[in-house]
Amino acid sequence: MALKNTINLSNLTQQELNSVKEIAGAHVTMSCKFDAYSNQVQDPQFKQLFKQSSTDAKTTATNLINSL
């Protein structure tokens, strides 16, 4: 499941903003890993699962970053 839209993060503390940046970075990493996994498997269902997971993680990362 992905974060489909940007969110209002204007009232966060610096520590909370740093946490959001860390979470966004983790989602970028997840996206890259899921993409790599999708290129390694042969089973079409697993391939699609990893591709969708990669897309969802990238969408979440993008929306978090755009919310900052």
PDB file of N, CA and C in Angstrom:
ATOM      1  N   MET A   1       0.841  -1.166   0.000  1.00  0.00           N
ATOM      2  CA  MET A   1       0.000   0.000   0.000  1.00  0.00           C
ATOM      3  C   MET A   1       0.888   1.231   0.000  1.00  0.00           C
ATOM      4  N   ALA A   2       0.580   2.168  -0.831  1.00  0.00           N
ATOM      5  CA  ALA A   2       1.410   3.361  -0.990  1.00  0.00           C
ATOM      6  C   ALA A   2       0.708   4.593  -0.436  1.00  0.00           C
ATOM      7  N   LEU A   3       1.518   5.565  -0.067  1.00  0.00           N
ATOM      8  CA  LEU A   3       0.995   6.890   0.288  1.00  0.00           C
ATOM      9  C   LEU A   3       0.649   7.563  -1.034  1.00  0.00           C
ATOM     10  N   LYS A   4      -0.633   7.716  -1.304  1.00  0.00           N
ATOM     11  CA  LYS A   4      -1.091   8.162  -2.626  1.00  0.00           C
ATOM     12  C   LYS A   4      -0.999   9.667  -2.841  1.00  0.00           C
ATOM     13  N   ASN A   5      -0.968  10.449  -1.765  1.00  0.00           N
ATOM     14  CA  ASN A   5      -0.959  11.902  -1.893  1.00  0.00           C
ATOM     15  C   ASN A   5       0.066  12.505  -0.948  1.00  0.00           C
ATOM     16  N   THR A   6       0.411  13.754  -1.207  1.00  0.00           N
ATOM     17  CA  THR A   6       1.272  14.459  -0.263  1.00  0.00           C
ATOM     18  C   THR A   6       0.459  14.770   0.987  1.00  0.00           C
ATOM     19  N   ILE A   7       1.158  15.041   2.079  1.00  0.00           N
ATOM     20  CA  ILE A   7       0.501  15.367   3.338  1.00  0.00           C
ATOM     21  C   ILE A   7       1.105  16.642   3.903  1.00  0.00           C
ATOM     22  N   ASN A   8       0.374  17.299   4.776  1.00  0.00           N
ATOM     23  CA  ASN A   8       0.854  18.544   5.370  1.00  0.00           C
ATOM     24  C   ASN A   8       1.787  18.227   6.539  1.00  0.00           C
ATOM     25  N   LEU A   9       3.050  18.549   6.370  1.00  0.00           N
ATOM     26  CA  LEU A   9       4.045  18.293   7.403  1.00  0.00           C
ATOM     27  C   LEU A   9       4.614  19.592   7.975  1.00  0.00           C
ATOM     28  N   SER A  10       3.870  20.663   7.840  1.00  0.00           N
ATOM     29  CA  SER A  10       4.386  21.971   8.234  1.00  0.00           C
ATOM     30  C   SER A  10       4.528  22.155   9.743  1.00  0.00           C
ATOM     31  N   ASN A  11       3.828  21.377  10.536  1.00  0.00           N
ATOM     32  CA  ASN A  11       3.866  21.560  11.986  1.00  0.00           C
ATOM     33  C   ASN A  11       4.773  20.564  12.705  1.00  0.00           C
ATOM     34  N   LEU A  12       5.678  19.939  11.991  1.00  0.00           N
ATOM     35  CA  LEU A  12       6.552  18.947  12.609  1.00  0.00           C
ATOM     36  C   LEU A  12       7.791  19.598  13.206  1.00  0.00           C
ATOM     37  N   THR A  13       8.313  18.954  14.240  1.00  0.00           N
ATOM     38  CA  THR A  13       9.577  19.408  14.821  1.00  0.00           C
ATOM     39  C   THR A  13      10.721  18.971  13.909  1.00  0.00           C
ATOM     40  N   GLN A  14      11.906  19.491  14.164  1.00  0.00           N
ATOM     41  CA  GLN A  14      13.070  19.108  13.363  1.00  0.00           C
ATOM     42  C   GLN A  14      13.347  17.608  13.482  1.00  0.00           C
ATOM     43  N   GLN A  15      13.187  17.077  14.676  1.00  0.00           N
ATOM     44  CA  GLN A  15      13.415  15.648  14.887  1.00  0.00           C
ATOM     45  C   GLN A  15      12.409  14.810  14.085  1.00  0.00           C
ATOM     46  N   GLU A  16      11.158  15.258  14.067  1.00  0.00           N
ATOM     47  CA  GLU A  16      10.138  14.553  13.296  1.00  0.00           C
ATOM     48  C   GLU A  16      10.411  14.648  11.798  1.00  0.00           C
ATOM     49  N   LEU A  17      10.850  15.817  11.335  1.00  0.00           N
ATOM     50  CA  LEU A  17      11.207  15.963   9.921  1.00  0.00           C
ATOM     51  C   LEU A  17      12.355  15.044   9.544  1.00  0.00           C
ATOM     52  N   ASN A  18      13.342  14.945  10.421  1.00  0.00           N
ATOM     53  CA  ASN A  18      14.463  14.038  10.166  1.00  0.00           C
ATOM     54  C   ASN A  18      13.984  12.592  10.075  1.00  0.00           C
ATOM     55  N   SER A  19      13.030  12.230  10.908  1.00  0.00           N
ATOM     56  CA  SER A  19      12.477  10.873  10.865  1.00  0.00           C
ATOM     57  C   SER A  19      11.744  10.624   9.556  1.00  0.00           C
ATOM     58  N   VAL A  20      10.983  11.600   9.098  1.00  0.00           N
ATOM     59  CA  VAL A  20      10.264  11.460   7.831  1.00  0.00           C
ATOM     60  C   VAL A  20      11.264  11.308   6.676  1.00  0.00           C
ATOM     61  N   LYS A  21      12.346  12.082   6.714  1.00  0.00           N
ATOM     62  CA  LYS A  21      13.380  11.957   5.673  1.00  0.00           C
ATOM     63  C   LYS A  21      13.997  10.567   5.695  1.00  0.00           C
ATOM     64  N   GLU A  22      14.224  10.039   6.879  1.00  0.00           N
ATOM     65  CA  GLU A  22      14.795   8.696   7.013  1.00  0.00           C
ATOM     66  C   GLU A  22      13.822   7.642   6.464  1.00  0.00           C
ATOM     67  N   ILE A  23      12.554   7.809   6.769  1.00  0.00           N
ATOM     68  CA  ILE A  23      11.535   6.877   6.265  1.00  0.00           C
ATOM     69  C   ILE A  23      11.455   6.950   4.737  1.00  0.00           C
ATOM     70  N   ALA A  24      11.500   8.159   4.186  1.00  0.00           N
ATOM     71  CA  ALA A  24      11.475   8.315   2.722  1.00  0.00           C
ATOM     72  C   ALA A  24      12.686   7.627   2.098  1.00  0.00           C
ATOM     73  N   GLY A  25      13.845   7.790   2.709  1.00  0.00           N
ATOM     74  CA  GLY A  25      15.056   7.133   2.206  1.00  0.00           C
ATOM     75  C   GLY A  25      14.944   5.621   2.261  1.00  0.00           C
ATOM     76  N   ALA A  26      14.335   5.117   3.316  1.00  0.00           N
ATOM     77  CA  ALA A  26      14.140   3.667   3.436  1.00  0.00           C
ATOM     78  C   ALA A  26      13.213   3.150   2.337  1.00  0.00           C
ATOM     79  N   HIS A  27      12.213   3.952   1.976  1.00  0.00           N
ATOM     80  CA  HIS A  27      11.301   3.549   0.903  1.00  0.00           C
ATOM     81  C   HIS A  27      11.997   3.565  -0.459  1.00  0.00           C
ATOM     82  N   VAL A  28      12.914   4.487  -0.658  1.00  0.00           N
ATOM     83  CA  VAL A  28      13.700   4.485  -1.902  1.00  0.00           C
ATOM     84  C   VAL A  28      14.516   3.196  -1.982  1.00  0.00           C
ATOM     85  N   THR A  29      15.132   2.834  -0.864  1.00  0.00           N
ATOM     86  CA  THR A  29      15.920   1.595  -0.812  1.00  0.00           C
ATOM     87  C   THR A  29      15.039   0.379  -1.076  1.00  0.00           C
ATOM     88  N   MET A  30      13.866   0.335  -0.443  1.00  0.00           N
ATOM     89  CA  MET A  30      12.937  -0.777  -0.668  1.00  0.00           C
ATOM     90  C   MET A  30      12.535  -0.870  -2.130  1.00  0.00           C
ATOM     91  N   SER A  31      12.280   0.272  -2.751  1.00  0.00           N
ATOM     92  CA  SER A  31      11.893   0.283  -4.152  1.00  0.00           C
ATOM     93  C   SER A  31      12.976  -0.346  -5.020  1.00  0.00           C
ATOM     94  N   CYS A  32      14.215   0.031  -4.769  1.00  0.00           N
ATOM     95  CA  CYS A  32      15.339  -0.519  -5.546  1.00  0.00           C
ATOM     96  C   CYS A  32      15.480  -2.026  -5.326  1.00  0.00           C
ATOM     97  N   LYS A  33      15.327  -2.455  -4.080  1.00  0.00           N
ATOM     98  CA  LYS A  33      15.455  -3.887  -3.782  1.00  0.00           C
ATOM     99  C   LYS A  33      14.320  -4.694  -4.413  1.00  0.00           C
ATOM    100  N   PHE A  34      13.088  -4.205  -4.295  1.00  0.00           N
ATOM    101  CA  PHE A  34      11.974  -4.921  -4.899  1.00  0.00           C
ATOM    102  C   PHE A  34      12.128  -4.993  -6.414  1.00  0.00           C
ATOM    103  N   ASP A  35      12.640  -3.929  -7.016  1.00  0.00           N
ATOM    104  CA  ASP A  35      12.878  -3.934  -8.460  1.00  0.00           C
ATOM    105  C   ASP A  35      13.927  -4.983  -8.825  1.00  0.00           C
ATOM    106  N   ALA A  36      14.983  -5.054  -8.036  1.00  0.00           N
ATOM    107  CA  ALA A  36      16.025  -6.059  -8.291  1.00  0.00           C
ATOM    108  C   ALA A  36      15.461  -7.470  -8.124  1.00  0.00           C
ATOM    109  N   TYR A  37      14.645  -7.675  -7.098  1.00  0.00           N
ATOM    110  CA  TYR A  37      14.036  -8.989  -6.892  1.00  0.00           C
ATOM    111  C   TYR A  37      13.148  -9.363  -8.077  1.00  0.00           C
ATOM    112  N   SER A  38      12.403  -8.387  -8.591  1.00  0.00           N
ATOM    113  CA  SER A  38      11.505  -8.694  -9.711  1.00  0.00           C
ATOM    114  C   SER A  38      12.291  -9.115 -10.949  1.00  0.00           C
ATOM    115  N   ASN A  39      13.506  -8.637 -11.079  1.00  0.00           N
ATOM    116  CA  ASN A  39      14.341  -9.016 -12.223  1.00  0.00           C
ATOM    117  C   ASN A  39      15.005 -10.369 -12.044  1.00  0.00           C
ATOM    118  N   GLN A  40      14.979 -10.904 -10.825  1.00  0.00           N
ATOM    119  CA  GLN A  40      15.651 -12.180 -10.553  1.00  0.00           C
ATOM    120  C   GLN A  40      14.708 -13.381 -10.560  1.00  0.00           C
ATOM    121  N   VAL A  41      13.438 -13.165 -10.309  1.00  0.00           N
ATOM    122  CA  VAL A  41      12.506 -14.295 -10.220  1.00  0.00           C
ATOM    123  C   VAL A  41      11.926 -14.641 -11.583  1.00  0.00           C
ATOM    124  N   GLN A  42      11.539 -15.885 -11.720  1.00  0.00           N
ATOM    125  CA  GLN A  42      10.946 -16.351 -12.971  1.00  0.00           C
ATOM    126  C   GLN A  42       9.426 -16.433 -12.892  1.00  0.00           C
ATOM    127  N   ASP A  43       8.915 -16.704 -11.713  1.00  0.00           N
ATOM    128  CA  ASP A  43       7.472 -16.855 -11.528  1.00  0.00           C
ATOM    129  C   ASP A  43       6.764 -15.528 -11.812  1.00  0.00           C
ATOM    130  N   PRO A  44       5.821 -15.517 -12.746  1.00  0.00           N
ATOM    131  CA  PRO A  44       5.150 -14.265 -13.121  1.00  0.00           C
ATOM    132  C   PRO A  44       4.397 -13.599 -11.968  1.00  0.00           C
ATOM    133  N   GLN A  45       3.827 -14.400 -11.073  1.00  0.00           N
ATOM    134  CA  GLN A  45       3.098 -13.813  -9.948  1.00  0.00           C
ATOM    135  C   GLN A  45       4.046 -13.107  -8.982  1.00  0.00           C
ATOM    136  N   PHE A  46       5.179 -13.736  -8.682  1.00  0.00           N
ATOM    137  CA  PHE A  46       6.162 -13.092  -7.817  1.00  0.00           C
ATOM    138  C   PHE A  46       6.760 -11.859  -8.502  1.00  0.00           C
ATOM    139  N   LYS A  47       7.011 -11.981  -9.795  1.00  0.00           N
ATOM    140  CA  LYS A  47       7.552 -10.850 -10.548  1.00  0.00           C
ATOM    141  C   LYS A  47       6.615  -9.645 -10.444  1.00  0.00           C
ATOM    142  N   GLN A  48       5.317  -9.876 -10.650  1.00  0.00           N
ATOM    143  CA  GLN A  48       4.336  -8.803 -10.560  1.00  0.00           C
ATOM    144  C   GLN A  48       4.231  -8.260  -9.139  1.00  0.00           C
ATOM    145  N   LEU A  49       4.286  -9.142  -8.147  1.00  0.00           N
ATOM    146  CA  LEU A  49       4.222  -8.722  -6.750  1.00  0.00           C
ATOM    147  C   LEU A  49       5.384  -7.790  -6.414  1.00  0.00           C
ATOM    148  N   PHE A  50       6.592  -8.169  -6.829  1.00  0.00           N
ATOM    149  CA  PHE A  50       7.763  -7.329  -6.552  1.00  0.00           C
ATOM    150  C   PHE A  50       7.712  -6.018  -7.328  1.00  0.00           C
ATOM    151  N   LYS A  51       7.246  -6.060  -8.563  1.00  0.00           N
ATOM    152  CA  LYS A  51       7.138  -4.823  -9.345  1.00  0.00           C
ATOM    153  C   LYS A  51       6.134  -3.862  -8.709  1.00  0.00           C
ATOM    154  N   GLN A  52       4.991  -4.384  -8.266  1.00  0.00           N
ATOM    155  CA  GLN A  52       3.990  -3.535  -7.625  1.00  0.00           C
ATOM    156  C   GLN A  52       4.512  -2.987  -6.311  1.00  0.00           C
ATOM    157  N   SER A  53       5.221  -3.815  -5.557  1.00  0.00           N
ATOM    158  CA  SER A  53       5.803  -3.361  -4.292  1.00  0.00           C
ATOM    159  C   SER A  53       6.834  -2.269  -4.538  1.00  0.00           C
ATOM    160  N   SER A  54       7.620  -2.410  -5.585  1.00  0.00           N
ATOM    161  CA  SER A  54       8.604  -1.399  -5.949  1.00  0.00           C
ATOM    162  C   SER A  54       7.921  -0.077  -6.293  1.00  0.00           C
ATOM    163  N   THR A  55       6.877  -0.162  -7.089  1.00  0.00           N
ATOM    164  CA  THR A  55       6.125   1.037  -7.473  1.00  0.00           C
ATOM    165  C   THR A  55       5.505   1.713  -6.260  1.00  0.00           C
ATOM    166  N   ASP A  56       4.901   0.924  -5.380  1.00  0.00           N
ATOM    167  CA  ASP A  56       4.280   1.484  -4.177  1.00  0.00           C
ATOM    168  C   ASP A  56       5.307   2.166  -3.277  1.00  0.00           C
ATOM    169  N   ALA A  57       6.456   1.530  -3.084  1.00  0.00           N
ATOM    170  CA  ALA A  57       7.496   2.120  -2.241  1.00  0.00           C
ATOM    171  C   ALA A  57       8.012   3.421  -2.846  1.00  0.00           C
ATOM    172  N   LYS A  58       8.185   3.444  -4.165  1.00  0.00           N
ATOM    173  CA  LYS A  58       8.656   4.658  -4.839  1.00  0.00           C
ATOM    174  C   LYS A  58       7.621   5.779  -4.732  1.00  0.00           C
ATOM    175  N   THR A  59       6.347   5.437  -4.896  1.00  0.00           N
ATOM    176  CA  THR A  59       5.278   6.425  -4.766  1.00  0.00           C
ATOM    177  C   THR A  59       5.261   7.020  -3.369  1.00  0.00           C
ATOM    178  N   THR A  60       5.373   6.169  -2.366  1.00  0.00           N
ATOM    179  CA  THR A  60       5.389   6.649  -0.979  1.00  0.00           C
ATOM    180  C   THR A  60       6.581   7.571  -0.745  1.00  0.00           C
ATOM    181  N   ALA A  61       7.759   7.161  -1.197  1.00  0.00           N
ATOM    182  CA  ALA A  61       8.951   7.993  -1.025  1.00  0.00           C
ATOM    183  C   ALA A  61       8.786   9.345  -1.699  1.00  0.00           C
ATOM    184  N   THR A  62       8.296   9.323  -2.925  1.00  0.00           N
ATOM    185  CA  THR A  62       8.104  10.571  -3.678  1.00  0.00           C
ATOM    186  C   THR A  62       7.125  11.490  -2.967  1.00  0.00           C
ATOM    187  N   ASN A  63       6.022  10.952  -2.488  1.00  0.00           N
ATOM    188  CA  ASN A  63       5.020  11.778  -1.824  1.00  0.00           C
ATOM    189  C   ASN A  63       5.510  12.296  -0.473  1.00  0.00           C
ATOM    190  N   LEU A  64       6.286  11.508   0.238  1.00  0.00           N
ATOM    191  CA  LEU A  64       6.871  12.003   1.479  1.00  0.00           C
ATOM    192  C   LEU A  64       7.849  13.141   1.207  1.00  0.00           C
ATOM    193  N   ILE A  65       8.706  12.953   0.218  1.00  0.00           N
ATOM    194  CA  ILE A  65       9.700  13.983  -0.127  1.00  0.00           C
ATOM    195  C   ILE A  65       9.003  15.258  -0.598  1.00  0.00           C
ATOM    196  N   ASN A  66       7.960  15.108  -1.403  1.00  0.00           N
ATOM    197  CA  ASN A  66       7.229  16.276  -1.888  1.00  0.00           C
ATOM    198  C   ASN A  66       6.460  16.981  -0.773  1.00  0.00           C
ATOM    199  N   SER A  67       6.209  16.286   0.303  1.00  0.00           N
ATOM    200  CA  SER A  67       5.492  16.876   1.438  1.00  0.00           C
ATOM    201  C   SER A  67       6.399  17.714   2.335  1.00  0.00           C
ATOM    202  N   LEU A  68       7.689  17.534   2.179  1.00  0.00           N
ATOM    203  CA  LEU A  68       8.625  18.258   3.066  1.00  0.00           C
ATOM    204  C   LEU A  68       8.719  19.721   2.721  1.00  0.00           C
TER     205      LEU A  68
END
